[in-house]
Amino acid sequence: MPVLVRFLLRHAAIGMGVAAVFVGALAAFDVFHLGALMSGSPDGLLALAVLTCALGITFGSVQMGFAVMLMGEDEQPPNGRRAPLNRLRPIPVRVRARR
């Protein structure tokens, strides 16, 4: 499997794990009575699975985006193919003041 695919899958799995912990905390701390609602409903496990999958997709995508954006480029010295850019230097210009 290519290195970049493994990289993305690893970070997607990290995001899924964070989402599972987040949903577990929501249910355990009974935020907005979600835990009581899920435990009292016959379809509570289905609701828990749907919430976990939805947040897993979201957190996995965010984690993959963070990982890609934080990838750095290797700093390599110039190899002589590009001409160095001259730095811009300010030039004083006289301007008359008008009313």
C-alpha atoms as a PDB file:
ATOM      1  CA  MET A   1       0.000   0.000   0.000  1.00  0.00           C
ATOM      2  CA  PRO A   2       1.419   3.452  -0.843  1.00  0.00           C
ATOM      3  CA  VAL A   3       2.816   5.531   1.975  1.00  0.00           C
ATOM      4  CA  LEU A   4       0.370   8.404   1.534  1.00  0.00           C
ATOM      5  CA  VAL A   5      -2.642   6.084   1.589  1.00  0.00           C
ATOM      6  CA  ARG A   6      -1.428   4.537   4.848  1.00  0.00           C
ATOM      7  CA  PHE A   7      -0.819   8.049   6.183  1.00  0.00           C
ATOM      8  CA  LEU A   8      -4.405   9.107   5.398  1.00  0.00           C
ATOM      9  CA  LEU A   9      -5.954   5.881   6.709  1.00  0.00           C
ATOM     10  CA  ARG A  10      -3.981   6.163   9.950  1.00  0.00           C
ATOM     11  CA  HIS A  11      -5.205   9.709  10.533  1.00  0.00           C
ATOM     12  CA  ALA A  12      -8.770   8.799   9.562  1.00  0.00           C
ATOM     13  CA  ALA A  13      -8.657   6.023  12.191  1.00  0.00           C
ATOM     14  CA  ILE A  14      -7.372   8.516  14.771  1.00  0.00           C
ATOM     15  CA  GLY A  15     -10.327  10.800  13.976  1.00  0.00           C
ATOM     16  CA  MET A  16     -12.748   7.872  14.263  1.00  0.00           C
ATOM     17  CA  GLY A  17     -11.273   6.989  17.647  1.00  0.00           C
ATOM     18  CA  VAL A  18     -11.640  10.562  18.867  1.00  0.00           C
ATOM     19  CA  ALA A  19     -15.263  10.540  17.676  1.00  0.00           C
ATOM     20  CA  ALA A  20     -15.953   7.299  19.562  1.00  0.00           C
ATOM     21  CA  VAL A  21     -14.491   8.768  22.745  1.00  0.00           C
ATOM     22  CA  PHE A  22     -16.526  11.952  22.200  1.00  0.00           C
ATOM     23  CA  VAL A  23     -19.801  10.052  21.734  1.00  0.00           C
ATOM     24  CA  GLY A  24     -18.989   7.915  24.766  1.00  0.00           C
ATOM     25  CA  ALA A  25     -18.429  11.063  26.823  1.00  0.00           C
ATOM     26  CA  LEU A  26     -21.698  12.552  25.549  1.00  0.00           C
ATOM     27  CA  ALA A  27     -23.596   9.447  26.610  1.00  0.00           C
ATOM     28  CA  ALA A  28     -21.737   8.994  29.904  1.00  0.00           C
ATOM     29  CA  PHE A  29     -22.141  12.592  31.053  1.00  0.00           C
ATOM     30  CA  ASP A  30     -25.747  12.629  29.796  1.00  0.00           C
ATOM     31  CA  VAL A  31     -25.311  15.872  27.875  1.00  0.00           C
ATOM     32  CA  PHE A  32     -28.774  17.224  26.968  1.00  0.00           C
ATOM     33  CA  HIS A  33     -30.159  13.903  28.310  1.00  0.00           C
ATOM     34  CA  LEU A  34     -28.786  11.981  25.321  1.00  0.00           C
ATOM     35  CA  GLY A  35     -27.661   9.083  27.505  1.00  0.00           C
ATOM     36  CA  ALA A  36     -31.058   8.740  29.158  1.00  0.00           C
ATOM     37  CA  LEU A  37     -32.823   9.070  25.824  1.00  0.00           C
ATOM     38  CA  MET A  38     -30.665   6.376  24.219  1.00  0.00           C
ATOM     39  CA  SER A  39     -30.916   4.002  27.156  1.00  0.00           C
ATOM     40  CA  GLY A  40     -34.696   4.430  27.419  1.00  0.00           C
ATOM     41  CA  SER A  41     -35.441   3.957  23.749  1.00  0.00           C
ATOM     42  CA  PRO A  42     -35.667   0.553  22.028  1.00  0.00           C
ATOM     43  CA  ASP A  43     -33.633   2.014  19.155  1.00  0.00           C
ATOM     44  CA  GLY A  44     -31.041   3.567  21.416  1.00  0.00           C
ATOM     45  CA  LEU A  45     -28.168   1.454  20.095  1.00  0.00           C
ATOM     46  CA  LEU A  46     -29.076   2.409  16.533  1.00  0.00           C
ATOM     47  CA  ALA A  47     -29.052   6.089  17.486  1.00  0.00           C
ATOM     48  CA  LEU A  48     -25.689   5.615  19.189  1.00  0.00           C
ATOM     49  CA  ALA A  49     -24.271   3.890  16.096  1.00  0.00           C
ATOM     50  CA  VAL A  50     -25.593   6.569  13.722  1.00  0.00           C
ATOM     51  CA  LEU A  51     -24.203   9.369  15.901  1.00  0.00           C
ATOM     52  CA  THR A  52     -20.846   7.605  16.150  1.00  0.00           C
ATOM     53  CA  CYS A  53     -20.642   7.066  12.376  1.00  0.00           C
ATOM     54  CA  ALA A  54     -21.628  10.656  11.567  1.00  0.00           C
ATOM     55  CA  LEU A  55     -19.155  12.138  14.015  1.00  0.00           C
ATOM     56  CA  GLY A  56     -16.540   9.591  12.938  1.00  0.00           C
ATOM     57  CA  ILE A  57     -16.764  10.782   9.349  1.00  0.00           C
ATOM     58  CA  THR A  58     -16.559  14.405  10.486  1.00  0.00           C
ATOM     59  CA  PHE A  59     -13.691  13.962  12.953  1.00  0.00           C
ATOM     60  CA  GLY A  60     -11.836  11.630  10.579  1.00  0.00           C
ATOM     61  CA  SER A  61     -12.041  14.175   7.779  1.00  0.00           C
ATOM     62  CA  VAL A  62     -10.887  16.976  10.064  1.00  0.00           C
ATOM     63  CA  GLN A  63      -7.974  14.898  11.333  1.00  0.00           C
ATOM     64  CA  MET A  64      -6.937  14.002   7.781  1.00  0.00           C
ATOM     65  CA  GLY A  65      -7.136  17.661   6.805  1.00  0.00           C
ATOM     66  CA  PHE A  66      -4.997  18.698   9.778  1.00  0.00           C
ATOM     67  CA  ALA A  67      -2.443  16.029   8.970  1.00  0.00           C
ATOM     68  CA  VAL A  68      -2.194  17.048   5.318  1.00  0.00           C
ATOM     69  CA  MET A  69      -1.990  20.760   6.123  1.00  0.00           C
ATOM     70  CA  LEU A  70       0.712  20.194   8.729  1.00  0.00           C
ATOM     71  CA  MET A  71       2.895  18.189   6.372  1.00  0.00           C
ATOM     72  CA  GLY A  72       6.055  20.164   5.822  1.00  0.00           C
ATOM     73  CA  GLU A  73       8.114  20.434   2.720  1.00  0.00           C
ATOM     74  CA  ASP A  74      11.722  19.373   2.954  1.00  0.00           C
ATOM     75  CA  GLU A  75      13.987  22.385   3.080  1.00  0.00           C
ATOM     76  CA  GLN A  76      16.562  21.839   0.375  1.00  0.00           C
ATOM     77  CA  PRO A  77      19.254  24.233  -0.729  1.00  0.00           C
ATOM     78  CA  PRO A  78      18.796  25.748  -4.179  1.00  0.00           C
ATOM     79  CA  ASN A  79      20.161  23.543  -6.923  1.00  0.00           C
ATOM     80  CA  GLY A  80      20.975  26.345  -9.360  1.00  0.00           C
ATOM     81  CA  ARG A  81      17.955  25.919 -11.613  1.00  0.00           C
ATOM     82  CA  ARG A  82      16.173  29.006 -10.418  1.00  0.00           C
ATOM     83  CA  ALA A  83      17.537  32.523 -10.407  1.00  0.00           C
ATOM     84  CA  PRO A  84      17.431  34.120  -6.955  1.00  0.00           C
ATOM     85  CA  LEU A  85      14.803  36.795  -6.551  1.00  0.00           C
ATOM     86  CA  ASN A  86      16.062  40.268  -5.787  1.00  0.00           C
ATOM     87  CA  ARG A  87      14.586  41.743  -2.674  1.00  0.00           C
ATOM     88  CA  LEU A  88      12.411  44.784  -3.070  1.00  0.00           C
ATOM     89  CA  ARG A  89      14.043  47.971  -1.863  1.00  0.00           C
ATOM     90  CA  PRO A  90      12.046  51.107  -1.072  1.00  0.00           C
ATOM     91  CA  ILE A  91      12.907  54.151  -3.190  1.00  0.00           C
ATOM     92  CA  PRO A  92      12.296  57.622  -1.687  1.00  0.00           C
ATOM     93  CA  VAL A  93       9.933  59.732  -3.798  1.00  0.00           C
ATOM     94  CA  ARG A  94       9.244  63.462  -3.293  1.00  0.00           C
ATOM     95  CA  VAL A  95       5.577  64.381  -3.212  1.00  0.00           C
ATOM     96  CA  ARG A  96       4.155  67.901  -2.943  1.00  0.00           C
ATOM     97  CA  ALA A  97       1.564  68.514  -0.272  1.00  0.00           C
ATOM     98  CA  ARG A  98      -1.670  70.012  -1.617  1.00  0.00           C
ATOM     99  CA  ARG A  99      -4.607  71.509   0.131  1.00  0.00           C
END
